[in-house]
Amino acid sequence: MSSFEINPTFCFSLLGSFAIYVWTRPTLRALLAVVTIAMVLRILFLRALGGFGAYYGAGWISSGAFLGISSLGALAAARERSAFYAAAAVPLCNLVIGYTIPLTTWLSPRTFDGLLLKFDGTLGFQPSFVLGRLLVDRPEYWGPTTVIYYALPFAVGLVYGGHRLERREVKLLPLLLSMMVVGFLQYSLFPAAGPAYAFRGAYPYAPPREIPLEAMAVPGAVRNCMPSLHFAAALLVWWNARFLPLAGRALSFAFMVATGFATLALGEHYVADLIVAVPFTLVFQAAWSSGGEVARELAIIAGCGLTAAWLIALRWGSFVWRFSWLWIALTVAACAAAAMAVRGGNAVSIHNPKEEQTSCLAVQRTKR
């Protein structure tokens, strides 16, 4: 795989491991030892290979890899098994995805990129082409956009580490793992590669005048568009950042929006992929949340129903090309309402008035 697809992302994955290590609240001495070891490893690596890669920001992004390796070593030396497994989960998932995603090309020789491009065109413009043109011949814009695209595993590690420390009501690791597995399997239901790969030569300057509505051959590109697991993970970061202060929640929302922009501007996804990712993500967010059984069940049903409806409509129902903005608004609104209901159920489950009253009575009896 190219350096764009694996190296910077893997560095950010290991930086996520370092974030999880920091969430374990190590002593200042231990933290300085980890940073020192990382600096030594970086120097040795530089002398051995002479560089860190050709991608944008390689000089500082690569530092995350050494911080992560040093953190994993520290957790292993301290025999912190739970924290070690948690910190190792993010880079391990990245490795598994990196080595298995090329199988999608073999499983799905042809793609339906034309259908997705057709739907995006019903919005009145082609978002991926319009945003992609903003980055053409502008490295000062293109570089930071790629960094945002790379940085998703680090954001996941930050939120995941906080959830472990605070013992939140959402089982975030099983949520992420199950979503990735099901998402990988779903790629074969609606194979698509992305406009930068399906329409090489045309992207991002001008979309083709005649859009192919039949399955098309896209050689040499993985089929990892529908749904956008990249945007789904960014959405999970925002949904599960409620334990952070207001500034942290605002930053997580900004990161989600920026990730959506990056997926489109870099030609990796269509708007349709991002929309389908919303109900798809809702299913797993509700399934791995605690409390509010009725709200969770309704959210799972709504998420599954909307995901299936979109996949069927995009592939066989041309009616979705009419009133496309309306379908998008209804989907996002329904998923937002369901997610809020699930969060409300969690709050009721955690802050149960009857349990608080019982606890207060017990304290009073103890004082007497």
Protein backbone atom coordinates (compact mmCIF):
# COMPACT_ATOMS: atom_id res chain seq x y z
CA MET A 1 0.00 0.00 0.00
CA SER A 2 1.12 3.56 -0.63
CA SER A 3 2.46 5.88 2.05
CA PHE A 4 -0.74 7.92 1.88
CA GLU A 5 -2.85 4.91 2.80
CA ILE A 6 -0.92 3.33 5.65
CA ASN A 7 2.15 5.07 7.07
CA PRO A 8 0.73 8.33 8.48
CA THR A 9 -2.46 6.62 9.60
CA PHE A 10 -0.46 3.98 11.46
CA CYS A 11 1.64 6.69 13.12
CA PHE A 12 -1.53 8.39 14.33
CA SER A 13 -2.81 5.01 15.53
CA LEU A 14 0.26 4.62 17.74
CA LEU A 15 -0.14 8.22 18.86
CA GLY A 16 -3.61 7.13 19.97
CA SER A 17 -1.91 4.45 22.07
CA PHE A 18 0.14 7.19 23.71
CA ALA A 19 -3.08 9.13 24.41
CA ILE A 20 -4.55 6.08 26.13
CA TYR A 21 -1.36 5.75 28.18
CA VAL A 22 -1.65 9.38 29.29
CA TRP A 23 -5.26 8.72 30.34
CA THR A 24 -3.92 6.10 32.79
CA ARG A 25 -2.40 9.05 34.68
CA PRO A 26 1.23 7.88 34.91
CA THR A 27 3.65 9.63 37.21
CA LEU A 28 5.68 12.51 35.81
CA ARG A 29 8.81 10.40 36.04
CA ALA A 30 7.24 7.57 34.05
CA LEU A 31 5.89 9.97 31.42
CA LEU A 32 9.31 11.60 30.97
CA ALA A 33 10.87 8.16 30.60
CA VAL A 34 8.39 7.26 27.86
CA VAL A 35 9.07 10.50 25.98
CA THR A 36 12.85 10.05 26.33
CA ILE A 37 12.74 6.50 25.01
CA ALA A 38 10.60 7.68 22.09
CA MET A 39 13.15 10.36 21.21
CA VAL A 40 15.98 7.81 21.28
CA LEU A 41 14.03 5.41 19.06
CA ARG A 42 13.30 8.21 16.61
CA ILE A 43 16.98 9.16 16.36
CA LEU A 44 18.02 5.53 15.82
CA PHE A 45 15.36 5.05 13.16
CA LEU A 46 16.41 8.22 11.35
CA ARG A 47 20.06 7.14 11.30
CA ALA A 48 19.16 3.66 10.08
CA LEU A 49 16.76 4.61 7.25
CA GLY A 50 17.51 8.27 6.65
CA GLY A 51 13.91 9.48 6.60
CA PHE A 52 10.32 8.96 7.68
CA GLY A 53 8.38 9.02 4.41
CA ALA A 54 7.33 11.37 1.67
CA TYR A 55 3.85 12.30 2.89
CA TYR A 56 2.97 15.75 4.19
CA GLY A 57 4.05 16.30 7.81
CA ALA A 58 6.09 13.10 7.96
CA GLY A 59 8.73 14.70 10.19
CA TRP A 60 6.38 15.33 13.11
CA ILE A 61 3.61 12.81 12.42
CA SER A 62 6.16 9.99 12.60
CA SER A 63 6.95 10.97 16.19
CA GLY A 64 3.58 9.56 17.17
CA ALA A 65 4.75 6.08 16.22
CA PHE A 66 7.70 6.19 18.63
CA LEU A 67 5.58 7.64 21.44
CA GLY A 68 3.10 4.81 20.94
CA ILE A 69 5.75 2.09 20.88
CA SER A 70 7.35 3.51 24.01
CA SER A 71 3.96 3.70 25.74
CA LEU A 72 3.15 0.09 24.92
CA GLY A 73 6.54 -0.94 26.30
CA ALA A 74 5.92 0.98 29.50
CA LEU A 75 2.50 -0.60 30.00
CA ALA A 76 3.92 -4.06 29.35
CA ALA A 77 6.79 -3.48 31.80
CA ALA A 78 4.32 -2.31 34.45
CA ARG A 79 2.14 -5.39 33.79
CA GLU A 80 -0.87 -3.18 33.21
CA ARG A 81 -2.64 -5.79 31.10
CA SER A 82 -5.98 -4.05 30.71
CA ALA A 83 -4.39 -0.74 29.72
CA PHE A 84 -1.89 -2.51 27.44
CA TYR A 85 -4.63 -4.33 25.55
CA ALA A 86 -6.59 -1.10 25.26
CA ALA A 87 -3.59 0.83 23.93
CA ALA A 88 -2.70 -1.95 21.50
CA ALA A 89 -6.24 -2.19 20.12
CA VAL A 90 -6.08 0.97 17.98
CA PRO A 91 -2.88 0.18 16.00
CA LEU A 92 -3.84 -3.49 15.78
CA CYS A 93 -7.16 -2.56 14.16
CA ASN A 94 -5.28 -0.33 11.74
CA LEU A 95 -2.97 -3.19 10.78
CA VAL A 96 -5.86 -5.62 10.27
CA ILE A 97 -7.74 -3.11 8.13
CA GLY A 98 -4.63 -2.25 6.13
CA TYR A 99 -3.98 -5.88 5.21
CA THR A 100 -7.58 -7.00 4.62
CA ILE A 101 -9.10 -4.04 2.78
CA PRO A 102 -7.40 -4.95 -0.54
CA LEU A 103 -9.57 -8.09 -0.52
CA THR A 104 -12.53 -5.90 -1.46
CA THR A 105 -11.07 -5.51 -4.96
CA TRP A 106 -11.02 -9.27 -5.41
CA LEU A 107 -14.48 -9.76 -3.88
CA SER A 108 -16.09 -7.02 -6.01
CA PRO A 109 -14.49 -6.69 -9.45
CA ARG A 110 -17.00 -3.99 -10.50
CA THR A 111 -18.35 -0.97 -8.63
CA PHE A 112 -21.43 1.26 -8.55
CA ASP A 113 -19.62 4.58 -8.39
CA GLY A 114 -21.81 5.92 -11.18
CA LEU A 115 -24.95 5.59 -9.07
CA LEU A 116 -23.37 7.47 -6.19
CA LEU A 117 -22.11 10.22 -8.50
CA LYS A 118 -25.60 10.46 -9.99
CA PHE A 119 -27.15 10.94 -6.56
CA ASP A 120 -24.62 13.59 -5.56
CA GLY A 121 -25.44 15.45 -8.76
CA THR A 122 -29.09 15.75 -7.71
CA LEU A 123 -27.93 18.10 -4.95
CA GLY A 124 -27.37 20.72 -7.62
CA PHE A 125 -23.60 20.30 -7.79
CA GLN A 126 -20.94 17.63 -7.30
CA PRO A 127 -19.57 18.22 -3.75
CA SER A 128 -16.48 16.01 -4.08
CA PHE A 129 -15.47 17.72 -7.33
CA VAL A 130 -16.17 21.23 -6.05
CA LEU A 131 -14.25 20.69 -2.81
CA GLY A 132 -11.49 18.81 -4.60
CA ARG A 133 -10.86 21.82 -6.85
CA LEU A 134 -10.16 23.89 -3.73
CA LEU A 135 -7.07 21.78 -3.11
CA VAL A 136 -5.69 21.58 -6.64
CA ASP A 137 -2.22 23.12 -6.87
CA ARG A 138 -2.60 24.43 -3.30
CA PRO A 139 -0.27 22.44 -1.05
CA GLU A 140 -0.98 24.83 1.83
CA TYR A 141 -4.57 23.50 1.79
CA TRP A 142 -4.00 19.98 0.55
CA GLY A 143 -1.41 19.12 3.21
CA PRO A 144 -3.47 20.02 6.31
CA THR A 145 -6.50 18.31 4.78
CA THR A 146 -4.58 15.04 4.48
CA VAL A 147 -3.44 15.41 8.09
CA ILE A 148 -7.06 15.66 9.22
CA TYR A 149 -7.81 12.55 7.21
CA TYR A 150 -4.86 10.71 8.78
CA ALA A 151 -5.59 11.81 12.34
CA LEU A 152 -8.79 9.83 12.93
CA PRO A 153 -7.14 7.00 14.94
CA PHE A 154 -5.61 9.56 17.29
CA ALA A 155 -9.01 11.14 17.93
CA VAL A 156 -10.46 7.70 18.57
CA GLY A 157 -7.65 6.94 21.03
CA LEU A 158 -8.28 10.19 22.91
CA VAL A 159 -11.97 9.49 23.38
CA TYR A 160 -11.45 5.80 24.05
CA GLY A 161 -8.89 6.53 26.77
CA GLY A 162 -11.26 8.95 28.46
CA HIS A 163 -14.06 6.40 28.39
CA ARG A 164 -11.86 3.81 30.08
CA LEU A 165 -10.89 6.23 32.83
CA GLU A 166 -14.38 7.61 33.43
CA ARG A 167 -16.11 4.22 32.94
CA ARG A 168 -18.73 5.67 30.67
CA GLU A 169 -22.03 4.03 29.78
CA VAL A 170 -20.94 3.12 26.22
CA LYS A 171 -18.71 0.11 25.53
CA LEU A 172 -16.59 1.93 23.00
CA LEU A 173 -14.08 -0.76 22.03
CA PRO A 174 -16.65 -3.47 21.17
CA LEU A 175 -18.61 -0.75 19.39
CA LEU A 176 -15.68 0.17 17.15
CA LEU A 177 -14.63 -3.42 16.46
CA SER A 178 -18.13 -4.62 15.56
CA MET A 179 -18.76 -1.56 13.38
CA MET A 180 -15.54 -2.15 11.45
CA VAL A 181 -16.31 -5.84 10.88
CA VAL A 182 -19.88 -5.27 9.73
CA GLY A 183 -18.82 -2.27 7.65
CA PHE A 184 -16.18 -4.38 5.89
CA LEU A 185 -18.81 -7.00 5.06
CA GLN A 186 -21.18 -4.31 3.83
CA TYR A 187 -18.65 -3.08 1.28
CA SER A 188 -19.56 -6.08 -0.86
CA LEU A 189 -23.26 -5.12 -0.84
CA PHE A 190 -22.58 -1.79 -2.52
CA PRO A 191 -19.01 -1.78 -3.85
CA ALA A 192 -17.62 1.67 -4.63
CA ALA A 193 -14.11 3.12 -4.79
CA GLY A 194 -14.49 6.93 -4.67
CA PRO A 195 -14.44 9.64 -7.35
CA ALA A 196 -10.66 10.06 -7.29
CA TYR A 197 -10.29 6.41 -8.39
CA ALA A 198 -13.44 5.75 -10.42
CA PHE A 199 -13.13 8.90 -12.50
CA ARG A 200 -9.39 9.33 -12.88
CA GLY A 201 -8.54 12.10 -15.29
CA ALA A 202 -11.85 13.89 -14.72
CA TYR A 203 -11.55 14.32 -10.96
CA PRO A 204 -11.56 16.99 -9.59
CA TYR A 205 -11.79 19.28 -12.62
CA ALA A 206 -15.16 18.31 -14.07
CA PRO A 207 -17.52 15.36 -13.55
CA PRO A 208 -18.23 13.23 -16.61
CA ARG A 209 -21.18 14.40 -18.71
CA GLU A 210 -22.45 10.85 -19.18
CA ILE A 211 -22.55 9.07 -15.84
CA PRO A 212 -22.52 5.25 -16.10
CA LEU A 213 -25.45 3.76 -14.17
CA GLU A 214 -24.30 0.19 -14.66
CA ALA A 215 -21.53 -1.56 -12.75
CA MET A 216 -18.14 -0.28 -13.88
CA ALA A 217 -14.57 -1.56 -13.69
CA VAL A 218 -12.23 0.38 -11.40
CA PRO A 219 -8.91 -1.47 -11.39
CA GLY A 220 -6.39 -1.04 -8.62
CA ALA A 221 -8.69 0.63 -6.09
CA VAL A 222 -10.17 -0.76 -2.87
CA ARG A 223 -13.95 -0.79 -2.50
CA ASN A 224 -14.28 0.95 0.86
CA CYS A 225 -16.77 3.74 0.20
CA MET A 226 -20.25 2.58 1.18
CA PRO A 227 -20.74 3.38 3.98
CA SER A 228 -17.93 5.73 4.96
CA LEU A 229 -16.41 4.11 8.03
CA HIS A 230 -14.04 7.07 8.20
CA PHE A 231 -16.89 9.50 8.75
CA ALA A 232 -18.69 6.96 10.96
CA ALA A 233 -15.73 6.83 13.35
CA ALA A 234 -15.51 10.64 13.40
CA LEU A 235 -19.22 10.76 14.23
CA LEU A 236 -18.62 8.33 17.10
CA VAL A 237 -15.88 10.60 18.41
CA TRP A 238 -18.35 13.47 18.58
CA TRP A 239 -21.22 11.42 20.04
CA ASN A 240 -19.01 9.98 22.77
CA ALA A 241 -17.09 13.13 23.76
CA ARG A 242 -19.75 14.26 26.23
CA PHE A 243 -17.45 13.63 29.19
CA LEU A 244 -15.13 16.37 27.92
CA PRO A 245 -15.57 20.05 28.84
CA LEU A 246 -17.41 22.35 26.44
CA ALA A 247 -14.23 23.22 24.54
CA GLY A 248 -13.46 19.53 24.03
CA ARG A 249 -16.96 18.79 22.77
CA ALA A 250 -16.77 21.74 20.38
CA LEU A 251 -13.40 20.50 19.13
CA SER A 252 -14.77 16.99 18.56
CA PHE A 253 -17.66 18.45 16.53
CA ALA A 254 -15.23 20.55 14.47
CA PHE A 255 -13.11 17.44 13.87
CA MET A 256 -16.14 15.52 12.62
CA VAL A 257 -17.04 18.32 10.19
CA ALA A 258 -13.41 18.62 9.03
CA THR A 259 -13.23 14.86 8.50
CA GLY A 260 -16.34 14.99 6.33
CA PHE A 261 -14.73 17.77 4.31
CA ALA A 262 -11.49 15.80 3.94
CA THR A 263 -13.20 12.62 2.76
CA LEU A 264 -14.94 14.57 -0.01
CA ALA A 265 -12.16 16.97 -0.96
CA LEU A 266 -9.59 14.18 -1.28
CA GLY A 267 -11.92 12.22 -3.54
CA GLU A 268 -12.25 9.29 -1.17
CA HIS A 269 -16.04 9.43 -0.76
CA TYR A 270 -19.34 10.77 -2.02
CA VAL A 271 -21.99 12.62 -0.03
CA ALA A 272 -24.17 9.50 -0.25
CA ASP A 273 -21.51 7.51 1.65
CA LEU A 274 -21.49 10.04 4.49
CA ILE A 275 -25.28 10.11 4.74
CA VAL A 276 -25.61 6.32 4.91
CA ALA A 277 -22.88 6.29 7.58
CA VAL A 278 -25.17 8.21 9.97
CA PRO A 279 -27.92 5.55 10.46
CA PHE A 280 -25.27 2.83 10.17
CA THR A 281 -23.35 4.34 13.09
CA LEU A 282 -26.54 4.81 15.10
CA VAL A 283 -27.11 1.05 15.13
CA PHE A 284 -23.84 0.34 16.92
CA GLN A 285 -24.01 3.37 19.20
CA ALA A 286 -27.38 2.15 20.47
CA ALA A 287 -26.41 -1.52 20.61
CA TRP A 288 -23.41 -0.90 22.87
CA SER A 289 -25.02 1.69 25.14
CA SER A 290 -26.46 0.83 28.54
CA GLY A 291 -29.87 1.75 29.89
CA GLY A 292 -32.96 3.01 28.09
CA GLU A 293 -33.94 -0.34 26.56
CA VAL A 294 -36.92 1.02 24.62
CA ALA A 295 -34.93 3.94 23.19
CA ARG A 296 -32.06 1.62 22.27
CA GLU A 297 -34.32 -0.86 20.49
CA LEU A 298 -36.08 1.87 18.55
CA ALA A 299 -32.74 3.39 17.56
CA ILE A 300 -31.43 0.03 16.34
CA ILE A 301 -34.59 -0.58 14.32
CA ALA A 302 -34.47 2.93 12.85
CA GLY A 303 -30.77 2.68 12.03
CA CYS A 304 -31.09 -0.71 10.34
CA GLY A 305 -34.20 0.35 8.45
CA LEU A 306 -32.73 3.61 7.16
CA THR A 307 -29.42 1.99 6.20
CA ALA A 308 -31.19 -0.74 4.23
CA ALA A 309 -33.60 1.76 2.65
CA TRP A 310 -30.75 3.96 1.43
CA LEU A 311 -28.78 1.05 -0.01
CA ILE A 312 -31.82 -0.27 -1.85
CA ALA A 313 -32.89 3.16 -3.07
CA LEU A 314 -29.42 4.13 -4.31
CA ARG A 315 -29.05 0.91 -6.25
CA TRP A 316 -32.54 0.25 -7.58
CA GLY A 317 -34.82 3.18 -6.77
CA SER A 318 -34.43 6.20 -8.99
CA PHE A 319 -37.03 8.02 -6.84
CA VAL A 320 -34.24 8.84 -4.38
CA TRP A 321 -32.83 11.17 -7.04
CA ARG A 322 -35.88 13.39 -6.50
CA PHE A 323 -36.09 15.56 -3.39
CA SER A 324 -32.63 14.37 -2.38
CA TRP A 325 -32.17 17.22 0.10
CA LEU A 326 -35.42 16.22 1.79
CA TRP A 327 -34.34 12.58 2.18
CA ILE A 328 -31.02 13.70 3.64
CA ALA A 329 -32.66 16.10 6.10
CA LEU A 330 -35.19 13.49 7.26
CA THR A 331 -32.47 10.86 7.74
CA VAL A 332 -30.18 13.13 9.73
CA ALA A 333 -33.07 14.47 11.84
CA ALA A 334 -34.40 10.98 12.63
CA CYS A 335 -30.94 9.70 13.59
CA ALA A 336 -30.22 12.78 15.72
CA ALA A 337 -33.51 12.33 17.59
CA ALA A 338 -32.84 8.61 18.13
CA ALA A 339 -29.30 9.28 19.36
CA MET A 340 -30.56 11.91 21.81
CA ALA A 341 -33.17 9.46 23.11
CA VAL A 342 -30.48 6.84 23.69
CA ARG A 343 -28.31 9.37 25.54
CA GLY A 344 -31.32 10.37 27.65
CA GLY A 345 -31.91 6.73 28.53
CA ASN A 346 -28.29 6.40 29.59
CA ALA A 347 -28.63 9.42 31.84
CA VAL A 348 -31.73 7.96 33.47
CA SER A 349 -29.94 4.66 33.93
CA ILE A 350 -26.93 6.29 35.59
CA HIS A 351 -28.74 8.91 37.65
CA ASN A 352 -31.75 6.91 38.79
CA PRO A 353 -33.77 9.00 41.30
CA LYS A 354 -34.94 5.91 43.21
CA GLU A 355 -31.36 4.71 43.65
CA GLU A 356 -30.28 8.17 44.83
CA GLN A 357 -33.16 8.27 47.31
CA THR A 358 -32.28 4.82 48.64
CA SER A 359 -28.65 5.88 48.98
CA CYS A 360 -29.61 9.01 50.92
CA LEU A 361 -31.80 6.99 53.30
CA ALA A 362 -28.95 4.56 53.90
CA VAL A 363 -26.60 7.42 54.74
CA GLN A 364 -29.11 8.91 57.16
CA ARG A 365 -29.58 5.58 58.94
CA THR A 366 -25.82 5.18 59.24
CA LYS A 367 -25.51 8.63 60.84
CA ARG A 368 -28.25 7.80 63.34
